Amino acid sequence: MRRIVVLMSGLLLSIVSAFAQVEFGVRFGGAYSSLIQRLDKSYESGGRMGFSVAGLMQIPIYKGLSFVPEIGLIYQGGDYYSYPSTEGMTTHNMYKYYSLQLPFDLAYTFQISDIKLSVFAGPTLDVSLAGKMKMEDTGIESDIEFGKKEEPNLRTIDLGVNVGLSVEYSRFFFSINNVAGVLDRRTVKRENESTLFQNNVTFSVGYFFRK
């Protein structure tokens, strides 16, 4: 019984100590997003510029290794073609929308003099919120009804893989990261239509509220 009490006490102290070292940060940046599809054995993408703003935590695990979860808002989108015919894809669809992004990264930090260099990677959950779409042939803009099984709407949920690099100096940092979606964003897929993936490259500046 005494051993159990000692072990539980040690575990509790370790958890408290770890969370006492948790540091918080914020970042803001520009995002280049695109919808990628495969046409005629090659990958095509149509992109647009947007932005991303997020809050994050850095939770130390062991030495330079840490867990870095984020919660952020991203304005993203892209273009793609649908409705295949004998002449190819006939409808050009254009999108711009807001999503809630939740990356769960593992980061490893190298200390180089006064500079901290970090590499990070992990899964990302993307939840689409609201946005607009437009078909080029009609020029009519309408709301995206996420999850509705009707062309040309998109799925609500996406999963992605996030990889990136961060450089920090005096609590300020610059980062670049890429989130590559792994789920097909189409709600409707016809014969001979390709899969459609969301991709984002974000350049950010941020600040850590370090002790």
N, C-alpha and C. Protein backbone atom coordinates (compact mmCIF):
# COMPACT_ATOMS: atom_id res chain seq x y z
N MET A 1 0.83 -1.20 0.00
CA MET A 1 0.00 0.00 0.00
C MET A 1 0.87 1.25 0.00
N ARG A 2 1.93 1.22 0.81
CA ARG A 2 2.82 2.37 0.88
C ARG A 2 3.49 2.62 -0.48
N ARG A 3 3.88 1.53 -1.15
CA ARG A 3 4.53 1.66 -2.46
C ARG A 3 3.57 2.31 -3.47
N ILE A 4 2.30 1.89 -3.42
CA ILE A 4 1.32 2.45 -4.34
C ILE A 4 1.15 3.94 -4.10
N VAL A 5 1.10 4.32 -2.81
CA VAL A 5 0.96 5.73 -2.46
C VAL A 5 2.16 6.53 -2.96
N VAL A 6 3.37 5.97 -2.79
CA VAL A 6 4.59 6.65 -3.24
C VAL A 6 4.60 6.80 -4.75
N LEU A 7 4.22 5.72 -5.45
CA LEU A 7 4.20 5.76 -6.92
C LEU A 7 3.17 6.77 -7.43
N MET A 8 1.98 6.76 -6.84
CA MET A 8 0.93 7.70 -7.25
C MET A 8 1.35 9.13 -6.96
N SER A 9 2.00 9.35 -5.83
CA SER A 9 2.47 10.69 -5.48
C SER A 9 3.53 11.16 -6.47
N GLY A 10 4.44 10.24 -6.83
CA GLY A 10 5.48 10.58 -7.79
C GLY A 10 4.91 10.91 -9.16
N LEU A 11 3.90 10.12 -9.58
CA LEU A 11 3.25 10.37 -10.86
C LEU A 11 2.53 11.71 -10.86
N LEU A 12 1.84 12.01 -9.78
CA LEU A 12 1.12 13.29 -9.67
C LEU A 12 2.08 14.46 -9.70
N LEU A 13 3.19 14.34 -9.00
CA LEU A 13 4.20 15.41 -9.00
C LEU A 13 4.78 15.61 -10.39
N SER A 14 5.00 14.50 -11.11
CA SER A 14 5.53 14.59 -12.47
C SER A 14 4.57 15.32 -13.39
N ILE A 15 3.25 14.99 -13.26
CA ILE A 15 2.25 15.64 -14.10
C ILE A 15 2.17 17.13 -13.78
N VAL A 16 2.15 17.46 -12.49
CA VAL A 16 2.09 18.87 -12.07
C VAL A 16 3.31 19.63 -12.56
N SER A 17 4.49 18.98 -12.44
CA SER A 17 5.74 19.61 -12.88
C SER A 17 5.73 19.86 -14.38
N ALA A 18 5.22 18.87 -15.14
CA ALA A 18 5.18 19.01 -16.60
C ALA A 18 4.27 20.15 -17.01
N PHE A 19 3.07 20.22 -16.40
CA PHE A 19 2.13 21.28 -16.77
C PHE A 19 2.58 22.64 -16.25
N ALA A 20 3.41 22.66 -15.23
CA ALA A 20 3.95 23.93 -14.76
C ALA A 20 4.90 24.54 -15.78
N GLN A 21 5.42 23.69 -16.68
CA GLN A 21 6.35 24.15 -17.71
C GLN A 21 5.66 24.43 -19.04
N VAL A 22 4.34 24.24 -19.10
CA VAL A 22 3.60 24.50 -20.33
C VAL A 22 3.70 25.98 -20.70
N GLU A 23 3.97 26.23 -21.97
CA GLU A 23 4.07 27.60 -22.46
C GLU A 23 3.06 27.82 -23.57
N PHE A 24 2.56 29.04 -23.64
CA PHE A 24 1.52 29.36 -24.60
C PHE A 24 2.05 30.34 -25.65
N GLY A 25 1.43 30.29 -26.82
CA GLY A 25 1.85 31.18 -27.88
C GLY A 25 0.71 31.50 -28.83
N VAL A 26 0.94 32.48 -29.68
CA VAL A 26 -0.02 32.86 -30.72
C VAL A 26 0.75 33.04 -32.02
N ARG A 27 0.05 32.87 -33.12
CA ARG A 27 0.69 33.09 -34.41
C ARG A 27 -0.34 33.59 -35.42
N PHE A 28 0.15 34.30 -36.42
CA PHE A 28 -0.69 34.79 -37.51
C PHE A 28 0.11 34.71 -38.79
N GLY A 29 -0.53 34.31 -39.89
CA GLY A 29 0.23 34.19 -41.12
C GLY A 29 -0.62 34.14 -42.37
N GLY A 30 0.06 34.16 -43.49
CA GLY A 30 -0.59 34.01 -44.79
C GLY A 30 -0.57 32.56 -45.22
N ALA A 31 -1.66 32.12 -45.85
CA ALA A 31 -1.78 30.72 -46.26
C ALA A 31 -2.06 30.62 -47.76
N TYR A 32 -1.32 29.76 -48.43
CA TYR A 32 -1.63 29.45 -49.83
C TYR A 32 -2.29 28.07 -49.84
N SER A 33 -3.56 28.03 -50.20
CA SER A 33 -4.29 26.77 -50.17
C SER A 33 -4.70 26.37 -51.58
N SER A 34 -4.85 25.07 -51.80
CA SER A 34 -5.23 24.57 -53.11
C SER A 34 -6.01 23.27 -52.98
N LEU A 35 -6.87 23.03 -53.97
CA LEU A 35 -7.57 21.77 -54.11
C LEU A 35 -6.88 21.00 -55.22
N ILE A 36 -6.42 19.80 -54.91
CA ILE A 36 -5.59 19.03 -55.83
C ILE A 36 -6.36 17.82 -56.33
N GLN A 37 -6.35 17.62 -57.65
CA GLN A 37 -6.99 16.45 -58.25
C GLN A 37 -6.10 15.90 -59.36
N ARG A 38 -6.37 14.65 -59.72
CA ARG A 38 -5.58 14.02 -60.78
C ARG A 38 -6.39 14.00 -62.06
N LEU A 39 -5.86 14.64 -63.11
CA LEU A 39 -6.49 14.68 -64.41
C LEU A 39 -5.50 14.23 -65.47
N ASP A 40 -5.93 13.29 -66.32
CA ASP A 40 -5.08 12.81 -67.41
C ASP A 40 -3.70 12.38 -66.92
N LYS A 41 -3.69 11.60 -65.83
CA LYS A 41 -2.47 11.02 -65.26
C LYS A 41 -1.50 12.04 -64.69
N SER A 42 -1.97 13.26 -64.49
CA SER A 42 -1.12 14.28 -63.85
C SER A 42 -1.95 15.00 -62.78
N TYR A 43 -1.25 15.58 -61.81
CA TYR A 43 -1.95 16.27 -60.72
C TYR A 43 -2.11 17.74 -61.04
N GLU A 44 -3.35 18.22 -60.93
CA GLU A 44 -3.67 19.62 -61.19
C GLU A 44 -4.15 20.27 -59.90
N SER A 45 -3.84 21.54 -59.74
CA SER A 45 -4.30 22.24 -58.54
C SER A 45 -4.66 23.68 -58.88
N GLY A 46 -5.68 24.16 -58.21
CA GLY A 46 -6.06 25.56 -58.33
C GLY A 46 -6.04 26.16 -56.94
N GLY A 47 -5.30 27.25 -56.76
CA GLY A 47 -5.10 27.77 -55.41
C GLY A 47 -5.53 29.21 -55.23
N ARG A 48 -5.45 29.63 -53.98
CA ARG A 48 -5.77 31.01 -53.63
C ARG A 48 -5.05 31.36 -52.34
N MET A 49 -4.89 32.66 -52.11
CA MET A 49 -4.26 33.13 -50.89
C MET A 49 -5.31 33.32 -49.80
N GLY A 50 -4.92 33.03 -48.57
CA GLY A 50 -5.80 33.22 -47.43
C GLY A 50 -4.98 33.60 -46.21
N PHE A 51 -5.49 33.27 -45.04
CA PHE A 51 -4.76 33.58 -43.82
C PHE A 51 -5.05 32.52 -42.76
N SER A 52 -4.23 32.52 -41.72
CA SER A 52 -4.40 31.59 -40.61
C SER A 52 -4.02 32.30 -39.32
N VAL A 53 -4.83 32.13 -38.28
CA VAL A 53 -4.53 32.68 -36.96
C VAL A 53 -4.78 31.58 -35.94
N ALA A 54 -3.88 31.44 -34.96
CA ALA A 54 -4.00 30.30 -34.04
C ALA A 54 -3.38 30.60 -32.69
N GLY A 55 -3.86 29.86 -31.69
CA GLY A 55 -3.24 29.81 -30.38
C GLY A 55 -2.65 28.42 -30.19
N LEU A 56 -1.56 28.32 -29.46
CA LEU A 56 -0.89 27.03 -29.31
C LEU A 56 -0.30 26.86 -27.92
N MET A 57 -0.04 25.59 -27.58
CA MET A 57 0.64 25.25 -26.33
C MET A 57 1.88 24.44 -26.66
N GLN A 58 2.92 24.59 -25.87
CA GLN A 58 4.11 23.76 -25.98
C GLN A 58 4.29 23.03 -24.66
N ILE A 59 4.09 21.72 -24.69
CA ILE A 59 4.14 20.89 -23.49
C ILE A 59 5.39 20.03 -23.54
N PRO A 60 6.38 20.26 -22.67
CA PRO A 60 7.62 19.49 -22.71
C PRO A 60 7.39 18.03 -22.35
N ILE A 61 8.08 17.14 -23.07
CA ILE A 61 7.98 15.70 -22.81
C ILE A 61 9.31 15.18 -22.26
N TYR A 62 10.38 15.38 -23.05
CA TYR A 62 11.70 14.92 -22.61
C TYR A 62 12.76 15.66 -23.39
N LYS A 63 13.63 16.36 -22.66
CA LYS A 63 14.71 17.15 -23.27
C LYS A 63 14.13 18.04 -24.37
N GLY A 64 14.57 17.88 -25.63
CA GLY A 64 14.11 18.78 -26.69
C GLY A 64 12.78 18.40 -27.29
N LEU A 65 12.19 17.29 -26.85
CA LEU A 65 10.93 16.81 -27.42
C LEU A 65 9.74 17.43 -26.69
N SER A 66 8.74 17.86 -27.45
CA SER A 66 7.55 18.46 -26.84
C SER A 66 6.31 18.17 -27.67
N PHE A 67 5.17 18.29 -27.02
CA PHE A 67 3.87 18.13 -27.68
C PHE A 67 3.29 19.52 -27.90
N VAL A 68 2.89 19.81 -29.15
CA VAL A 68 2.44 21.16 -29.49
C VAL A 68 1.06 21.10 -30.17
N PRO A 69 -0.01 21.15 -29.38
CA PRO A 69 -1.36 21.23 -29.97
C PRO A 69 -1.71 22.67 -30.31
N GLU A 70 -2.56 22.85 -31.31
CA GLU A 70 -3.00 24.18 -31.73
C GLU A 70 -4.51 24.19 -31.91
N ILE A 71 -5.07 25.37 -31.84
CA ILE A 71 -6.44 25.59 -32.32
C ILE A 71 -6.41 26.87 -33.15
N GLY A 72 -6.85 26.76 -34.40
CA GLY A 72 -6.72 27.91 -35.28
C GLY A 72 -7.87 28.04 -36.25
N LEU A 73 -7.97 29.22 -36.82
CA LEU A 73 -8.95 29.52 -37.86
C LEU A 73 -8.18 29.78 -39.15
N ILE A 74 -8.59 29.11 -40.23
CA ILE A 74 -7.91 29.30 -41.51
C ILE A 74 -8.92 29.65 -42.59
N TYR A 75 -8.54 30.59 -43.44
CA TYR A 75 -9.35 30.97 -44.59
C TYR A 75 -8.67 30.32 -45.79
N GLN A 76 -9.34 29.34 -46.39
CA GLN A 76 -8.70 28.54 -47.41
C GLN A 76 -9.65 28.32 -48.59
N GLY A 77 -9.25 27.46 -49.51
CA GLY A 77 -10.09 27.17 -50.67
C GLY A 77 -9.28 26.62 -51.81
N GLY A 78 -9.72 26.92 -53.04
CA GLY A 78 -9.06 26.41 -54.23
C GLY A 78 -10.05 26.21 -55.36
N ASP A 79 -9.56 25.66 -56.47
CA ASP A 79 -10.38 25.41 -57.65
C ASP A 79 -10.27 23.94 -58.05
N TYR A 80 -11.33 23.42 -58.67
CA TYR A 80 -11.24 22.09 -59.28
C TYR A 80 -12.29 21.93 -60.36
N TYR A 81 -12.13 20.89 -61.18
CA TYR A 81 -13.04 20.62 -62.30
C TYR A 81 -13.90 19.40 -62.01
N SER A 82 -15.16 19.46 -62.46
CA SER A 82 -16.08 18.34 -62.27
C SER A 82 -16.91 18.14 -63.53
N TYR A 83 -17.86 17.20 -63.45
CA TYR A 83 -18.72 16.83 -64.57
C TYR A 83 -17.90 16.39 -65.80
N PRO A 84 -17.35 15.18 -65.79
CA PRO A 84 -16.56 14.72 -66.92
C PRO A 84 -17.41 14.48 -68.16
N SER A 85 -16.83 14.74 -69.32
CA SER A 85 -17.50 14.47 -70.60
C SER A 85 -16.44 13.95 -71.57
N THR A 86 -16.84 13.71 -72.81
CA THR A 86 -15.88 13.24 -73.80
C THR A 86 -14.82 14.29 -74.10
N GLU A 87 -15.11 15.54 -73.74
CA GLU A 87 -14.16 16.63 -73.97
C GLU A 87 -13.36 16.96 -72.72
N GLY A 88 -13.55 16.18 -71.66
CA GLY A 88 -12.84 16.45 -70.43
C GLY A 88 -13.76 17.00 -69.36
N MET A 89 -13.17 17.55 -68.29
CA MET A 89 -13.95 18.13 -67.22
C MET A 89 -14.54 19.46 -67.69
N THR A 90 -15.83 19.62 -67.54
CA THR A 90 -16.50 20.76 -68.16
C THR A 90 -16.87 21.90 -67.20
N THR A 91 -16.84 21.65 -65.89
CA THR A 91 -17.25 22.69 -64.94
C THR A 91 -16.09 23.06 -64.02
N HIS A 92 -15.78 24.36 -63.99
CA HIS A 92 -14.71 24.88 -63.16
C HIS A 92 -15.34 25.44 -61.89
N ASN A 93 -15.02 24.83 -60.73
CA ASN A 93 -15.58 25.24 -59.45
C ASN A 93 -14.55 25.99 -58.63
N MET A 94 -14.94 27.11 -58.03
CA MET A 94 -14.03 27.93 -57.24
C MET A 94 -14.57 28.08 -55.82
N TYR A 95 -13.68 27.92 -54.84
CA TYR A 95 -14.10 27.89 -53.43
C TYR A 95 -13.26 28.83 -52.57
N LYS A 96 -13.91 29.37 -51.54
CA LYS A 96 -13.22 30.09 -50.47
C LYS A 96 -14.05 29.89 -49.20
N TYR A 97 -13.41 29.42 -48.14
CA TYR A 97 -14.18 29.11 -46.93
C TYR A 97 -13.30 29.11 -45.68
N TYR A 98 -13.98 29.17 -44.53
CA TYR A 98 -13.32 29.17 -43.23
C TYR A 98 -13.38 27.76 -42.63
N SER A 99 -12.28 27.38 -41.97
CA SER A 99 -12.24 26.09 -41.28
C SER A 99 -11.56 26.25 -39.93
N LEU A 100 -11.95 25.40 -39.02
CA LEU A 100 -11.28 25.28 -37.73
C LEU A 100 -10.24 24.19 -37.86
N GLN A 101 -8.99 24.51 -37.59
CA GLN A 101 -7.90 23.53 -37.73
C GLN A 101 -7.31 23.19 -36.36
N LEU A 102 -7.12 21.89 -36.13
CA LEU A 102 -6.57 21.41 -34.87
C LEU A 102 -5.39 20.49 -35.13
N PRO A 103 -4.18 21.04 -35.24
CA PRO A 103 -2.99 20.20 -35.38
C PRO A 103 -2.54 19.65 -34.02
N PHE A 104 -2.06 18.42 -34.02
CA PHE A 104 -1.52 17.78 -32.81
C PHE A 104 -0.10 17.31 -33.15
N ASP A 105 0.88 18.19 -32.93
CA ASP A 105 2.24 17.94 -33.40
C ASP A 105 3.19 17.51 -32.30
N LEU A 106 4.17 16.72 -32.70
CA LEU A 106 5.35 16.48 -31.88
C LEU A 106 6.47 17.32 -32.46
N ALA A 107 7.17 18.05 -31.60
CA ALA A 107 8.24 18.93 -32.05
C ALA A 107 9.55 18.59 -31.36
N TYR A 108 10.64 18.74 -32.10
CA TYR A 108 11.96 18.58 -31.49
C TYR A 108 12.73 19.87 -31.72
N THR A 109 13.28 20.43 -30.62
CA THR A 109 13.92 21.73 -30.67
C THR A 109 15.43 21.62 -30.44
N PHE A 110 16.17 22.29 -31.33
CA PHE A 110 17.62 22.39 -31.22
C PHE A 110 17.97 23.80 -30.76
N GLN A 111 18.80 23.90 -29.73
CA GLN A 111 19.25 25.21 -29.25
C GLN A 111 20.56 25.55 -29.92
N ILE A 112 20.58 26.64 -30.70
CA ILE A 112 21.79 27.10 -31.39
C ILE A 112 22.05 28.53 -30.94
N SER A 113 22.93 28.68 -29.94
CA SER A 113 23.19 29.98 -29.35
C SER A 113 21.88 30.56 -28.82
N ASP A 114 21.47 31.74 -29.30
CA ASP A 114 20.23 32.35 -28.83
C ASP A 114 19.02 31.97 -29.67
N ILE A 115 19.22 31.08 -30.63
CA ILE A 115 18.16 30.70 -31.56
C ILE A 115 17.67 29.29 -31.26
N LYS A 116 16.35 29.11 -31.32
CA LYS A 116 15.74 27.80 -31.17
C LYS A 116 15.18 27.36 -32.52
N LEU A 117 15.68 26.24 -33.02
CA LEU A 117 15.23 25.69 -34.29
C LEU A 117 14.40 24.44 -34.01
N SER A 118 13.16 24.42 -34.47
CA SER A 118 12.27 23.29 -34.20
C SER A 118 11.76 22.68 -35.49
N VAL A 119 11.67 21.37 -35.51
CA VAL A 119 10.99 20.65 -36.58
C VAL A 119 9.79 19.95 -35.95
N PHE A 120 8.68 19.90 -36.66
CA PHE A 120 7.49 19.32 -36.06
C PHE A 120 6.64 18.61 -37.12
N ALA A 121 5.84 17.66 -36.63
CA ALA A 121 4.96 16.89 -37.52
C ALA A 121 3.86 16.25 -36.69
N GLY A 122 2.73 16.00 -37.34
CA GLY A 122 1.63 15.35 -36.63
C GLY A 122 0.34 15.39 -37.43
N PRO A 123 -0.70 14.75 -36.92
CA PRO A 123 -2.00 14.76 -37.59
C PRO A 123 -2.75 16.07 -37.36
N THR A 124 -3.65 16.40 -38.28
CA THR A 124 -4.45 17.61 -38.18
C THR A 124 -5.90 17.30 -38.49
N LEU A 125 -6.78 17.80 -37.64
CA LEU A 125 -8.23 17.71 -37.88
C LEU A 125 -8.70 19.06 -38.42
N ASP A 126 -9.46 19.01 -39.52
CA ASP A 126 -9.96 20.22 -40.17
C ASP A 126 -11.49 20.14 -40.23
N VAL A 127 -12.16 21.13 -39.64
CA VAL A 127 -13.63 21.17 -39.63
C VAL A 127 -14.08 22.42 -40.38
N SER A 128 -14.72 22.23 -41.53
CA SER A 128 -15.16 23.35 -42.34
C SER A 128 -16.37 24.03 -41.71
N LEU A 129 -16.40 25.36 -41.74
CA LEU A 129 -17.44 26.12 -41.06
C LEU A 129 -18.41 26.79 -42.03
N ALA A 130 -17.92 27.67 -42.87
CA ALA A 130 -18.79 28.41 -43.78
C ALA A 130 -17.95 28.98 -44.92
N GLY A 131 -18.59 29.19 -46.06
CA GLY A 131 -17.86 29.75 -47.17
C GLY A 131 -18.72 29.90 -48.42
N LYS A 132 -18.07 30.31 -49.50
CA LYS A 132 -18.75 30.55 -50.77
C LYS A 132 -18.12 29.71 -51.88
N MET A 133 -18.95 29.39 -52.88
CA MET A 133 -18.47 28.69 -54.06
C MET A 133 -19.06 29.36 -55.30
N LYS A 134 -18.35 29.21 -56.43
CA LYS A 134 -18.82 29.82 -57.66
C LYS A 134 -18.44 28.92 -58.83
N MET A 135 -19.39 28.71 -59.74
CA MET A 135 -19.10 27.99 -60.98
C MET A 135 -18.73 29.01 -62.04
N GLU A 136 -17.59 28.78 -62.71
CA GLU A 136 -17.09 29.77 -63.65
C GLU A 136 -18.05 29.97 -64.82
N ASP A 137 -18.72 28.90 -65.27
CA ASP A 137 -19.57 29.04 -66.45
C ASP A 137 -20.82 29.87 -66.19
N THR A 138 -21.31 29.87 -64.92
CA THR A 138 -22.49 30.67 -64.60
C THR A 138 -22.14 31.99 -63.93
N GLY A 139 -21.02 32.02 -63.21
CA GLY A 139 -20.62 33.22 -62.49
C GLY A 139 -21.45 33.49 -61.25
N ILE A 140 -22.31 32.54 -60.88
CA ILE A 140 -23.18 32.72 -59.71
C ILE A 140 -22.48 32.21 -58.45
N GLU A 141 -22.44 33.04 -57.42
CA GLU A 141 -21.83 32.67 -56.15
C GLU A 141 -22.91 32.24 -55.16
N SER A 142 -22.65 31.17 -54.43
CA SER A 142 -23.62 30.67 -53.46
C SER A 142 -22.90 30.13 -52.24
N ASP A 143 -23.66 29.88 -51.17
CA ASP A 143 -23.08 29.32 -49.95
C ASP A 143 -22.73 27.85 -50.15
N ILE A 144 -21.63 27.43 -49.54
CA ILE A 144 -21.28 26.01 -49.53
C ILE A 144 -22.09 25.33 -48.44
N GLU A 145 -22.78 24.27 -48.79
CA GLU A 145 -23.52 23.48 -47.81
C GLU A 145 -22.69 22.25 -47.48
N PHE A 146 -21.80 22.41 -46.51
CA PHE A 146 -20.85 21.36 -46.18
C PHE A 146 -21.58 20.09 -45.75
N GLY A 147 -21.15 18.97 -46.32
CA GLY A 147 -21.71 17.68 -45.98
C GLY A 147 -22.91 17.28 -46.81
N LYS A 148 -23.52 18.22 -47.53
CA LYS A 148 -24.69 17.89 -48.35
C LYS A 148 -24.25 17.09 -49.57
N LYS A 149 -24.90 15.97 -49.81
CA LYS A 149 -24.51 15.08 -50.91
C LYS A 149 -25.10 15.59 -52.23
N GLU A 150 -24.56 16.69 -52.65
CA GLU A 150 -25.00 17.32 -53.89
C GLU A 150 -23.85 18.13 -54.45
N GLU A 151 -23.53 17.90 -55.72
CA GLU A 151 -22.47 18.66 -56.39
C GLU A 151 -22.85 20.13 -56.43
N PRO A 152 -21.94 21.08 -56.20
CA PRO A 152 -20.51 20.89 -55.94
C PRO A 152 -20.13 21.21 -54.49
N ASN A 153 -20.87 20.70 -53.51
CA ASN A 153 -20.54 20.93 -52.11
C ASN A 153 -19.35 20.08 -51.67
N LEU A 154 -18.83 20.37 -50.49
CA LEU A 154 -17.66 19.66 -49.97
C LEU A 154 -17.99 18.97 -48.65
N ARG A 155 -17.18 17.99 -48.30
CA ARG A 155 -17.33 17.33 -47.00
C ARG A 155 -16.98 18.30 -45.88
N THR A 156 -17.56 18.05 -44.72
CA THR A 156 -17.32 18.92 -43.57
C THR A 156 -15.98 18.65 -42.91
N ILE A 157 -15.63 17.38 -42.78
CA ILE A 157 -14.44 16.97 -42.03
C ILE A 157 -13.31 16.54 -42.97
N ASP A 158 -12.12 16.97 -42.63
CA ASP A 158 -10.92 16.53 -43.34
C ASP A 158 -9.85 16.17 -42.31
N LEU A 159 -9.05 15.19 -42.66
CA LEU A 159 -7.87 14.85 -41.86
C LEU A 159 -6.64 15.11 -42.70
N GLY A 160 -5.58 15.58 -42.04
CA GLY A 160 -4.37 15.89 -42.78
C GLY A 160 -3.13 15.54 -42.00
N VAL A 161 -2.00 15.63 -42.69
CA VAL A 161 -0.68 15.43 -42.08
C VAL A 161 0.05 16.76 -42.14
N ASN A 162 0.50 17.23 -40.99
CA ASN A 162 1.17 18.52 -40.88
C ASN A 162 2.66 18.33 -40.65
N VAL A 163 3.49 19.01 -41.43
CA VAL A 163 4.94 19.01 -41.21
C VAL A 163 5.42 20.46 -41.32
N GLY A 164 6.43 20.81 -40.52
CA GLY A 164 6.89 22.18 -40.58
C GLY A 164 8.20 22.44 -39.87
N LEU A 165 8.62 23.70 -39.94
CA LEU A 165 9.88 24.16 -39.38
C LEU A 165 9.64 25.51 -38.72
N SER A 166 10.25 25.72 -37.55
CA SER A 166 10.08 26.98 -36.82
C SER A 166 11.43 27.48 -36.32
N VAL A 167 11.64 28.80 -36.39
CA VAL A 167 12.85 29.43 -35.88
C VAL A 167 12.43 30.50 -34.88
N GLU A 168 12.95 30.40 -33.64
CA GLU A 168 12.56 31.32 -32.59
C GLU A 168 13.77 32.12 -32.09
N TYR A 169 13.53 33.41 -31.86
CA TYR A 169 14.55 34.27 -31.28
C TYR A 169 13.86 35.27 -30.36
N SER A 170 14.27 35.30 -29.11
CA SER A 170 13.74 36.25 -28.13
C SER A 170 12.21 36.21 -28.07
N ARG A 171 11.66 34.98 -27.99
CA ARG A 171 10.22 34.72 -27.85
C ARG A 171 9.43 34.89 -29.14
N PHE A 172 9.97 35.59 -30.14
CA PHE A 172 9.31 35.71 -31.43
C PHE A 172 9.74 34.54 -32.32
N PHE A 173 8.83 34.08 -33.16
CA PHE A 173 9.21 32.98 -34.05
C PHE A 173 8.60 33.14 -35.43
N PHE A 174 9.27 32.52 -36.39
CA PHE A 174 8.77 32.42 -37.76
C PHE A 174 8.64 30.95 -38.08
N SER A 175 7.54 30.57 -38.70
CA SER A 175 7.34 29.16 -39.02
C SER A 175 6.77 29.00 -40.43
N ILE A 176 7.05 27.86 -41.02
CA ILE A 176 6.44 27.45 -42.28
C ILE A 176 5.97 26.02 -42.10
N ASN A 177 4.75 25.74 -42.53
CA ASN A 177 4.23 24.38 -42.40
C ASN A 177 3.31 24.04 -43.56
N ASN A 178 3.16 22.77 -43.80
CA ASN A 178 2.29 22.29 -44.86
C ASN A 178 1.33 21.24 -44.30
N VAL A 179 0.04 21.44 -44.52
CA VAL A 179 -0.97 20.46 -44.14
C VAL A 179 -1.50 19.83 -45.42
N ALA A 180 -1.26 18.53 -45.58
CA ALA A 180 -1.71 17.79 -46.75
C ALA A 180 -2.91 16.93 -46.36
N GLY A 181 -4.07 17.22 -46.92
CA GLY A 181 -5.28 16.46 -46.62
C GLY A 181 -5.19 15.04 -47.18
N VAL A 182 -5.80 14.11 -46.47
CA VAL A 182 -5.75 12.70 -46.90
C VAL A 182 -7.14 12.14 -47.19
N LEU A 183 -8.20 12.94 -46.98
CA LEU A 183 -9.56 12.49 -47.27
C LEU A 183 -10.08 13.20 -48.52
N ASP A 184 -10.86 12.48 -49.31
CA ASP A 184 -11.50 13.05 -50.49
C ASP A 184 -12.54 14.08 -50.05
N ARG A 185 -12.43 15.32 -50.53
CA ARG A 185 -13.36 16.37 -50.12
C ARG A 185 -14.70 16.32 -50.86
N ARG A 186 -14.81 15.53 -51.90
CA ARG A 186 -16.06 15.46 -52.65
C ARG A 186 -17.17 14.82 -51.82
N THR A 187 -18.37 15.37 -51.94
CA THR A 187 -19.54 14.70 -51.36
C THR A 187 -20.20 13.79 -52.40
N VAL A 188 -19.97 14.10 -53.68
CA VAL A 188 -20.50 13.30 -54.78
C VAL A 188 -19.35 12.98 -55.72
N LYS A 189 -19.22 11.71 -56.08
CA LYS A 189 -18.15 11.30 -56.99
C LYS A 189 -18.73 10.44 -58.10
N ARG A 190 -18.66 10.95 -59.33
CA ARG A 190 -19.19 10.23 -60.48
C ARG A 190 -18.12 9.34 -61.10
N GLU A 191 -18.55 8.49 -62.01
CA GLU A 191 -17.60 7.62 -62.70
C GLU A 191 -16.59 8.46 -63.47
N ASN A 192 -15.33 8.07 -63.35
CA ASN A 192 -14.20 8.73 -64.02
C ASN A 192 -13.78 10.05 -63.37
N GLU A 193 -14.45 10.46 -62.28
CA GLU A 193 -14.00 11.66 -61.59
C GLU A 193 -12.90 11.31 -60.59
N SER A 194 -11.95 12.22 -60.46
CA SER A 194 -10.80 11.98 -59.60
C SER A 194 -11.10 12.33 -58.14
N THR A 195 -10.23 11.86 -57.24
CA THR A 195 -10.31 12.28 -55.85
C THR A 195 -9.84 13.73 -55.73
N LEU A 196 -10.24 14.38 -54.66
CA LEU A 196 -9.97 15.80 -54.47
C LEU A 196 -9.43 16.01 -53.06
N PHE A 197 -8.23 16.60 -52.96
CA PHE A 197 -7.58 16.79 -51.66
C PHE A 197 -7.28 18.26 -51.41
N GLN A 198 -7.43 18.66 -50.14
CA GLN A 198 -7.09 20.03 -49.73
C GLN A 198 -5.64 20.08 -49.26
N ASN A 199 -4.93 21.12 -49.68
CA ASN A 199 -3.54 21.31 -49.27
C ASN A 199 -3.33 22.76 -48.87
N ASN A 200 -2.53 22.98 -47.80
CA ASN A 200 -2.25 24.34 -47.33
C ASN A 200 -0.78 24.51 -46.98
N VAL A 201 -0.20 25.59 -47.44
CA VAL A 201 1.14 25.99 -47.02
C VAL A 201 1.01 27.34 -46.33
N THR A 202 1.48 27.42 -45.08
CA THR A 202 1.29 28.63 -44.28
C THR A 202 2.62 29.19 -43.78
N PHE A 203 2.79 30.50 -43.95
CA PHE A 203 3.95 31.22 -43.42
C PHE A 203 3.45 32.08 -42.26
N SER A 204 4.02 31.89 -41.08
CA SER A 204 3.50 32.58 -39.89
C SER A 204 4.59 33.28 -39.10
N VAL A 205 4.18 34.32 -38.40
CA VAL A 205 5.01 34.94 -37.37
C VAL A 205 4.23 34.80 -36.06
N GLY A 206 4.95 34.62 -34.96
CA GLY A 206 4.25 34.38 -33.69
C GLY A 206 5.07 34.81 -32.49
N TYR A 207 4.48 34.58 -31.32
CA TYR A 207 5.11 34.99 -30.07
C TYR A 207 4.78 33.98 -28.99
N PHE A 208 5.79 33.59 -28.20
CA PHE A 208 5.62 32.72 -27.05
C PHE A 208 5.59 33.55 -25.76
N PHE A 209 4.64 33.27 -24.91
CA PHE A 209 4.57 33.93 -23.61
C PHE A 209 5.41 33.12 -22.61
N ARG A 210 6.72 33.17 -22.81
CA ARG A 210 7.61 32.38 -21.98
C ARG A 210 7.88 33.07 -20.63
N LYS A 211 8.16 32.27 -19.63
CA LYS A 211 8.43 32.79 -18.28
C LYS A 211 9.83 33.35 -18.19
